[in-house]
Amino acid sequence: MTDLRRPAETAVEKCLGLESAESCLVVTDEVCQSVGEALYEVARETTDDAAIVRYRSGDQFSEEPPTPVTAAMRNADVVFAPTANSLSHTQARSAATDAGARVATLPAITETVFETGLNADYDRIADTCEDIFSQVADAEEIRVVTDRGTDITLECGAADWYQDTGIVHEPGKMTNLPAGEVFTSPTSGDGIFVVDGTMRPHGLLDDTDPIEIDVEAGQVTAISDPAVREEIESAAEAAGDAAYNLAELGIGTNTGVTELVGSVLLDEKAAGTVHIAVGDDHAIGGDTEAPIHLDGVIRDPTVYADGDEVKLPSGI
């Protein structure tokens, strides 16, 4: 039986640092309800001003929650959002953080992922984030190569780097739990990246069938996998070229993740991996809005910052 009490305590007490004088809102749906209830039970022991609200999950990535939920998020000090469709890249989340809320999104969280990813040592994760950040933050370009065929150079000179340590104690900040990554929204990029870890809609990929994605001038130009190609083409019907945007480069720092399990939320945080995303980047420092943010996890990368090899944490 999965024990949700300990990871919920980590999320509420360590990661968001909820205090007795603060208000806390848990936003969830029928898919992630058990995680939402575990978070609420811990939160209500800390503050009398805690509430949980459930709504029906939608069909689209980054679909806005109902209007009453949006209003409640904006008026809370702390918000947890374990929902099937990510609220990270929504206007509701942006409005909440703009109003000063500390927000933790937990998209498509399962009980197993919650238990695994939140039972990690978050002080160690923070130290690992700082180490990676110190190596990449001033780089003009990052190159990622692997034995499976990845060879892509990303222009990052004008972009900010961020540390998602999972520890968010300042108003107006957000994290994605489970946490553990250093990431940026590159300004451009050229090359090929080969996803051999985890990617939606497949989950954990077969070792013999990686996904090859070509990028030119910061735009995806070719995708080897029909299902991934269909997801991006569908988003492009609404967003045009924004759906093909090279959105993110992330380096995993969660040393508690010892194997990939098929959940992008967890696997992209695995120490020693890299993930590259396509689509929306407005929530992570970019200026592109799209109804998709599709991460691909890459195993065993070698990363160079302005030609110098980055010392990655040992991981899977």
Protein backbone atom coordinates (compact mmCIF):
# COMPACT_ATOMS: atom_id res chain seq x y z
CA MET A 1 0.00 0.00 0.00
CA THR A 2 1.33 3.42 -0.96
CA ASP A 3 2.06 5.70 2.01
CA LEU A 4 1.13 9.26 1.01
CA ARG A 5 1.60 10.81 4.45
CA ARG A 6 5.37 11.28 4.35
CA PRO A 7 5.58 12.78 0.84
CA ALA A 8 2.66 15.08 1.69
CA GLU A 9 4.55 16.32 4.74
CA THR A 10 7.61 16.98 2.57
CA ALA A 11 5.53 18.97 0.10
CA VAL A 12 3.62 21.03 2.66
CA GLU A 13 6.26 21.55 5.35
CA LYS A 14 9.58 21.44 3.50
CA CYS A 15 8.85 22.48 -0.08
CA LEU A 16 6.19 25.17 0.37
CA GLY A 17 6.83 25.92 4.04
CA LEU A 18 3.17 26.46 4.91
CA GLU A 19 2.72 28.45 8.13
CA SER A 20 -0.18 28.53 10.57
CA ALA A 21 -1.20 32.09 9.70
CA GLU A 22 -1.41 31.35 5.97
CA SER A 23 -4.23 30.13 3.76
CA CYS A 24 -3.80 26.99 1.67
CA LEU A 25 -5.82 25.78 -1.31
CA VAL A 26 -5.54 22.31 -2.83
CA VAL A 27 -6.88 22.14 -6.40
CA THR A 28 -7.43 18.65 -7.74
CA ASP A 29 -9.57 16.45 -9.97
CA GLU A 30 -10.88 12.90 -10.01
CA VAL A 31 -7.62 11.58 -11.51
CA CYS A 32 -5.28 12.94 -8.82
CA GLN A 33 -7.76 13.16 -5.94
CA SER A 34 -5.95 10.81 -3.56
CA VAL A 35 -2.79 12.92 -3.72
CA GLY A 36 -4.87 16.08 -3.31
CA GLU A 37 -6.55 14.68 -0.22
CA ALA A 38 -3.21 13.68 1.31
CA LEU A 39 -1.90 17.21 0.82
CA TYR A 40 -5.08 18.70 2.30
CA GLU A 41 -4.94 16.48 5.39
CA VAL A 42 -1.41 17.66 6.20
CA ALA A 43 -2.19 21.29 5.37
CA ARG A 44 -5.25 21.40 7.66
CA GLU A 45 -3.05 20.28 10.56
CA THR A 46 -0.89 23.36 10.02
CA THR A 47 -3.53 26.00 9.31
CA ASP A 48 -7.23 26.40 9.98
CA ASP A 49 -7.51 28.26 6.68
CA ALA A 50 -7.17 25.27 4.36
CA ALA A 51 -9.55 24.11 1.65
CA ILE A 52 -9.71 21.54 -1.12
CA VAL A 53 -11.62 21.95 -4.37
CA ARG A 54 -12.15 19.33 -7.05
CA TYR A 55 -13.23 19.89 -10.64
CA ARG A 56 -13.67 17.65 -13.66
CA SER A 57 -10.44 17.21 -15.59
CA GLY A 58 -10.49 18.51 -19.14
CA ASP A 59 -9.16 17.03 -22.33
CA GLN A 60 -6.42 19.51 -23.19
CA PHE A 61 -2.97 20.27 -21.88
CA SER A 62 -2.92 23.54 -19.90
CA GLU A 63 -6.70 23.86 -20.03
CA GLU A 64 -7.83 26.69 -17.76
CA PRO A 65 -9.67 25.58 -14.60
CA PRO A 66 -13.23 26.82 -13.89
CA THR A 67 -13.56 30.50 -13.04
CA PRO A 68 -14.29 29.93 -9.31
CA VAL A 69 -11.11 27.86 -9.04
CA THR A 70 -9.08 30.58 -10.71
CA ALA A 71 -10.43 33.14 -8.25
CA ALA A 72 -9.70 30.92 -5.26
CA MET A 73 -6.12 30.31 -6.43
CA ARG A 74 -5.54 34.04 -6.71
CA ASN A 75 -6.67 34.60 -3.13
CA ALA A 76 -4.62 31.88 -1.42
CA ASP A 77 -1.17 32.18 0.13
CA VAL A 78 -0.21 28.64 -0.89
CA VAL A 79 -1.64 26.54 -3.72
CA PHE A 80 -1.10 22.87 -4.50
CA ALA A 81 -2.40 21.69 -7.87
CA PRO A 82 -2.32 17.90 -8.37
CA THR A 83 -4.33 17.70 -11.60
CA ALA A 84 -4.36 15.45 -14.66
CA ASN A 85 -3.72 18.38 -16.99
CA SER A 86 -0.94 20.70 -15.91
CA LEU A 87 -1.85 24.09 -14.50
CA SER A 88 1.78 25.24 -14.75
CA HIS A 89 1.32 27.00 -18.07
CA THR A 90 -2.15 28.45 -17.45
CA GLN A 91 -3.27 32.01 -16.95
CA ALA A 92 -4.86 30.88 -13.67
CA ARG A 93 -1.46 29.87 -12.30
CA SER A 94 0.15 33.07 -13.59
CA ALA A 95 -2.57 35.16 -11.94
CA ALA A 96 -2.06 33.34 -8.65
CA THR A 97 1.70 33.88 -8.55
CA ASP A 98 1.27 37.47 -9.74
CA ALA A 99 -0.98 37.99 -6.72
CA GLY A 100 1.71 36.62 -4.42
CA ALA A 101 0.72 32.97 -4.01
CA ARG A 102 3.33 30.25 -3.69
CA VAL A 103 2.26 27.52 -6.09
CA ALA A 104 3.23 23.89 -6.53
CA THR A 105 1.82 22.13 -9.58
CA LEU A 106 1.83 18.32 -9.67
CA PRO A 107 0.62 17.46 -13.18
CA ALA A 108 -0.65 13.92 -13.80
CA ILE A 109 0.76 12.88 -10.44
CA THR A 110 0.26 9.26 -9.41
CA GLU A 111 0.57 7.86 -5.92
CA THR A 112 3.76 6.03 -6.88
CA VAL A 113 5.38 9.10 -8.43
CA PHE A 114 4.32 11.21 -5.44
CA GLU A 115 5.83 8.76 -2.98
CA THR A 116 9.06 8.30 -4.94
CA GLY A 117 9.70 11.91 -5.91
CA LEU A 118 8.79 13.54 -2.59
CA ASN A 119 10.66 11.09 -0.39
CA ALA A 120 13.92 12.52 -1.73
CA ASP A 121 16.40 14.69 0.19
CA TYR A 122 15.41 18.19 -0.96
CA ASP A 123 18.38 19.87 0.70
CA ARG A 124 20.65 17.65 -1.41
CA ILE A 125 18.58 18.46 -4.49
CA ALA A 126 19.04 22.18 -3.79
CA ASP A 127 22.81 21.74 -3.50
CA THR A 128 22.91 19.79 -6.77
CA CYS A 129 20.86 22.49 -8.51
CA GLU A 130 23.30 25.15 -7.32
CA ASP A 131 26.26 23.14 -8.63
CA ILE A 132 24.74 22.73 -12.09
CA PHE A 133 23.55 26.33 -12.17
CA SER A 134 27.07 27.60 -11.46
CA GLN A 135 28.35 25.71 -14.51
CA VAL A 136 25.74 26.80 -17.05
CA ALA A 137 24.27 30.15 -16.00
CA ASP A 138 26.73 32.34 -17.93
CA ALA A 139 27.02 30.15 -21.03
CA GLU A 140 26.20 31.58 -24.44
CA GLU A 141 25.46 28.13 -25.83
CA ILE A 142 24.86 24.62 -24.60
CA ARG A 143 25.62 21.52 -26.64
CA VAL A 144 24.08 18.14 -25.82
CA VAL A 145 25.38 14.91 -27.37
CA THR A 146 24.66 11.22 -26.79
CA ASP A 147 25.75 7.89 -28.26
CA ARG A 148 22.17 7.45 -29.55
CA GLY A 149 22.51 10.35 -32.00
CA THR A 150 21.66 13.50 -30.10
CA ASP A 151 23.77 16.44 -31.23
CA ILE A 152 22.09 19.76 -30.68
CA THR A 153 23.40 23.21 -29.86
CA LEU A 154 21.09 25.60 -28.04
CA GLU A 155 21.61 29.35 -27.92
CA CYS A 156 21.07 30.56 -24.35
CA GLY A 157 22.98 33.83 -24.07
CA ALA A 158 19.97 36.09 -23.51
CA ALA A 159 17.93 33.56 -21.56
CA ASP A 160 17.74 33.22 -17.79
CA TRP A 161 18.43 29.92 -16.06
CA TYR A 162 16.23 28.74 -13.21
CA GLN A 163 16.72 26.30 -10.35
CA ASP A 164 13.67 24.21 -9.51
CA THR A 165 14.77 22.97 -6.10
CA GLY A 166 11.22 22.32 -4.95
CA ILE A 167 11.77 24.67 -2.01
CA VAL A 168 9.56 27.73 -2.54
CA HIS A 169 9.18 30.02 0.47
CA GLU A 170 8.92 33.41 -1.26
CA PRO A 171 5.65 35.03 -2.39
CA GLY A 172 4.89 34.81 -6.10
CA LYS A 173 7.11 31.81 -6.79
CA MET A 174 6.20 28.38 -8.14
CA THR A 175 7.62 24.90 -8.37
CA ASN A 176 6.75 21.68 -10.13
CA LEU A 177 6.64 18.71 -7.75
CA PRO A 178 8.40 16.33 -7.66
CA ALA A 179 11.20 18.84 -8.26
CA GLY A 180 14.85 18.76 -9.17
CA GLU A 181 16.05 20.46 -12.32
CA VAL A 182 17.98 23.42 -13.69
CA PHE A 183 16.36 24.77 -16.83
CA THR A 184 16.16 27.55 -19.37
CA SER A 185 14.11 28.58 -22.38
CA PRO A 186 16.69 28.81 -25.19
CA THR A 187 16.53 31.64 -27.68
CA SER A 188 17.28 29.31 -30.58
CA GLY A 189 18.86 26.00 -31.45
CA ASP A 190 19.98 23.71 -34.24
CA GLY A 191 20.58 19.98 -34.48
CA ILE A 192 18.94 16.69 -33.58
CA PHE A 193 17.82 15.33 -30.25
CA VAL A 194 17.00 11.67 -29.77
CA VAL A 195 14.56 10.89 -26.96
CA ASP A 196 15.33 7.47 -25.50
CA GLY A 197 13.79 7.88 -22.05
CA THR A 198 10.23 9.08 -21.56
CA MET A 199 7.89 11.12 -23.75
CA ARG A 200 4.17 11.63 -23.99
CA PRO A 201 1.99 10.02 -25.29
CA HIS A 202 4.07 6.85 -25.03
CA GLY A 203 5.48 7.03 -21.52
CA LEU A 204 8.66 4.98 -21.11
CA LEU A 205 10.10 4.28 -24.55
CA ASP A 206 11.24 0.93 -25.82
CA ASP A 207 15.03 0.84 -25.89
CA THR A 208 15.00 -0.10 -29.56
CA ASP A 209 12.65 2.66 -30.72
CA PRO A 210 13.86 6.15 -29.73
CA ILE A 211 12.25 9.31 -31.13
CA GLU A 212 14.35 11.59 -33.36
CA ILE A 213 13.44 15.27 -33.55
CA ASP A 214 15.16 17.74 -35.89
CA VAL A 215 15.47 21.41 -35.01
CA GLU A 216 16.45 24.37 -37.18
CA ALA A 217 16.64 27.97 -35.94
CA GLY A 218 14.66 27.12 -32.82
CA GLN A 219 11.82 25.36 -34.64
CA VAL A 220 11.08 21.65 -34.91
CA THR A 221 11.25 20.60 -38.55
CA ALA A 222 10.91 16.80 -38.43
CA ILE A 223 9.67 14.17 -35.96
CA SER A 224 10.25 10.46 -36.49
CA ASP A 225 7.36 9.28 -34.31
CA PRO A 226 3.80 9.53 -35.74
CA ALA A 227 2.05 9.87 -32.35
CA VAL A 228 4.29 12.71 -31.16
CA ARG A 229 4.02 14.36 -34.56
CA GLU A 230 0.22 14.15 -34.35
CA GLU A 231 0.16 15.79 -30.90
CA ILE A 232 2.22 18.74 -32.11
CA GLU A 233 0.28 19.06 -35.37
CA SER A 234 -2.97 19.11 -33.40
CA ALA A 235 -1.64 21.92 -31.19
CA ALA A 236 -0.46 23.78 -34.28
CA GLU A 237 -4.04 23.94 -35.56
CA ALA A 238 -4.71 26.42 -32.76
CA ALA A 239 -1.28 27.96 -32.19
CA GLY A 240 0.48 27.77 -35.55
CA ASP A 241 4.29 27.74 -35.48
CA ALA A 242 4.30 28.28 -31.70
CA ALA A 243 3.56 24.57 -31.28
CA TYR A 244 6.93 23.78 -32.94
CA ASN A 245 8.91 26.12 -30.71
CA LEU A 246 12.07 24.80 -29.03
CA ALA A 247 10.81 25.57 -25.55
CA GLU A 248 13.12 24.22 -22.88
CA LEU A 249 16.41 22.64 -21.97
CA GLY A 250 16.45 21.05 -18.53
CA ILE A 251 19.04 19.12 -16.54
CA GLY A 252 17.73 16.69 -13.91
CA THR A 253 19.04 16.99 -10.34
CA ASN A 254 16.76 14.75 -8.26
CA THR A 255 19.17 12.17 -6.87
CA GLY A 256 16.27 10.26 -5.31
CA VAL A 257 15.07 9.06 -8.73
CA THR A 258 17.01 5.87 -9.38
CA GLU A 259 15.16 4.64 -12.47
CA LEU A 260 12.81 5.94 -15.15
CA VAL A 261 9.22 4.87 -14.58
CA GLY A 262 7.39 6.33 -17.57
CA SER A 263 6.13 9.51 -15.90
CA VAL A 264 7.53 12.65 -17.52
CA LEU A 265 6.86 14.56 -14.31
CA LEU A 266 9.26 12.32 -12.40
CA ASP A 267 11.63 11.11 -15.11
CA GLU A 268 12.61 14.59 -16.32
CA LYS A 269 13.94 15.26 -12.81
CA ALA A 270 16.16 12.17 -12.70
CA ALA A 271 19.73 13.18 -11.90
CA GLY A 272 22.06 12.80 -14.85
CA THR A 273 19.38 13.12 -17.52
CA VAL A 274 18.52 15.98 -19.87
CA HIS A 275 15.09 16.89 -21.20
CA ILE A 276 14.23 19.06 -24.15
CA ALA A 277 10.71 20.38 -24.64
CA VAL A 278 8.67 21.67 -27.54
CA GLY A 279 5.84 24.22 -27.48
CA ASP A 280 4.89 26.64 -24.70
CA ASP A 281 7.62 28.44 -22.77
CA HIS A 282 5.90 31.54 -21.41
CA ALA A 283 5.74 30.02 -17.92
CA ILE A 284 9.49 29.38 -17.81
CA GLY A 285 10.88 32.70 -18.97
CA GLY A 286 10.12 32.58 -22.70
CA ASP A 287 7.61 34.47 -24.79
CA THR A 288 5.82 31.69 -26.69
CA GLU A 289 2.31 30.60 -25.74
CA ALA A 290 0.99 27.31 -27.08
CA PRO A 291 -1.49 24.65 -25.91
CA ILE A 292 1.32 22.12 -25.59
CA HIS A 293 4.57 21.65 -23.70
CA LEU A 294 6.01 18.29 -24.69
CA ASP A 295 9.11 17.09 -22.84
CA GLY A 296 11.42 14.37 -24.07
CA VAL A 297 13.80 12.75 -21.57
CA ILE A 298 17.28 11.85 -22.81
CA ARG A 299 19.49 9.29 -21.08
CA ASP A 300 23.27 9.41 -20.61
CA PRO A 301 23.94 12.85 -22.15
CA THR A 302 27.19 14.72 -22.33
CA VAL A 303 26.61 18.45 -21.90
CA TYR A 304 28.98 21.26 -22.85
CA ALA A 305 28.67 24.89 -21.75
CA ASP A 306 30.63 27.09 -24.16
CA GLY A 307 32.78 24.08 -24.95
CA ASP A 308 33.47 23.03 -21.36
CA GLU A 309 31.98 19.72 -20.23
CA VAL A 310 29.40 20.11 -17.48
CA LYS A 311 29.86 17.78 -14.54
CA LEU A 312 26.45 16.13 -14.21
CA PRO A 313 25.25 14.45 -11.04
CA SER A 314 25.41 10.68 -11.03
CA GLY A 315 21.99 9.24 -11.55
CA ILE A 316 20.22 6.42 -13.33
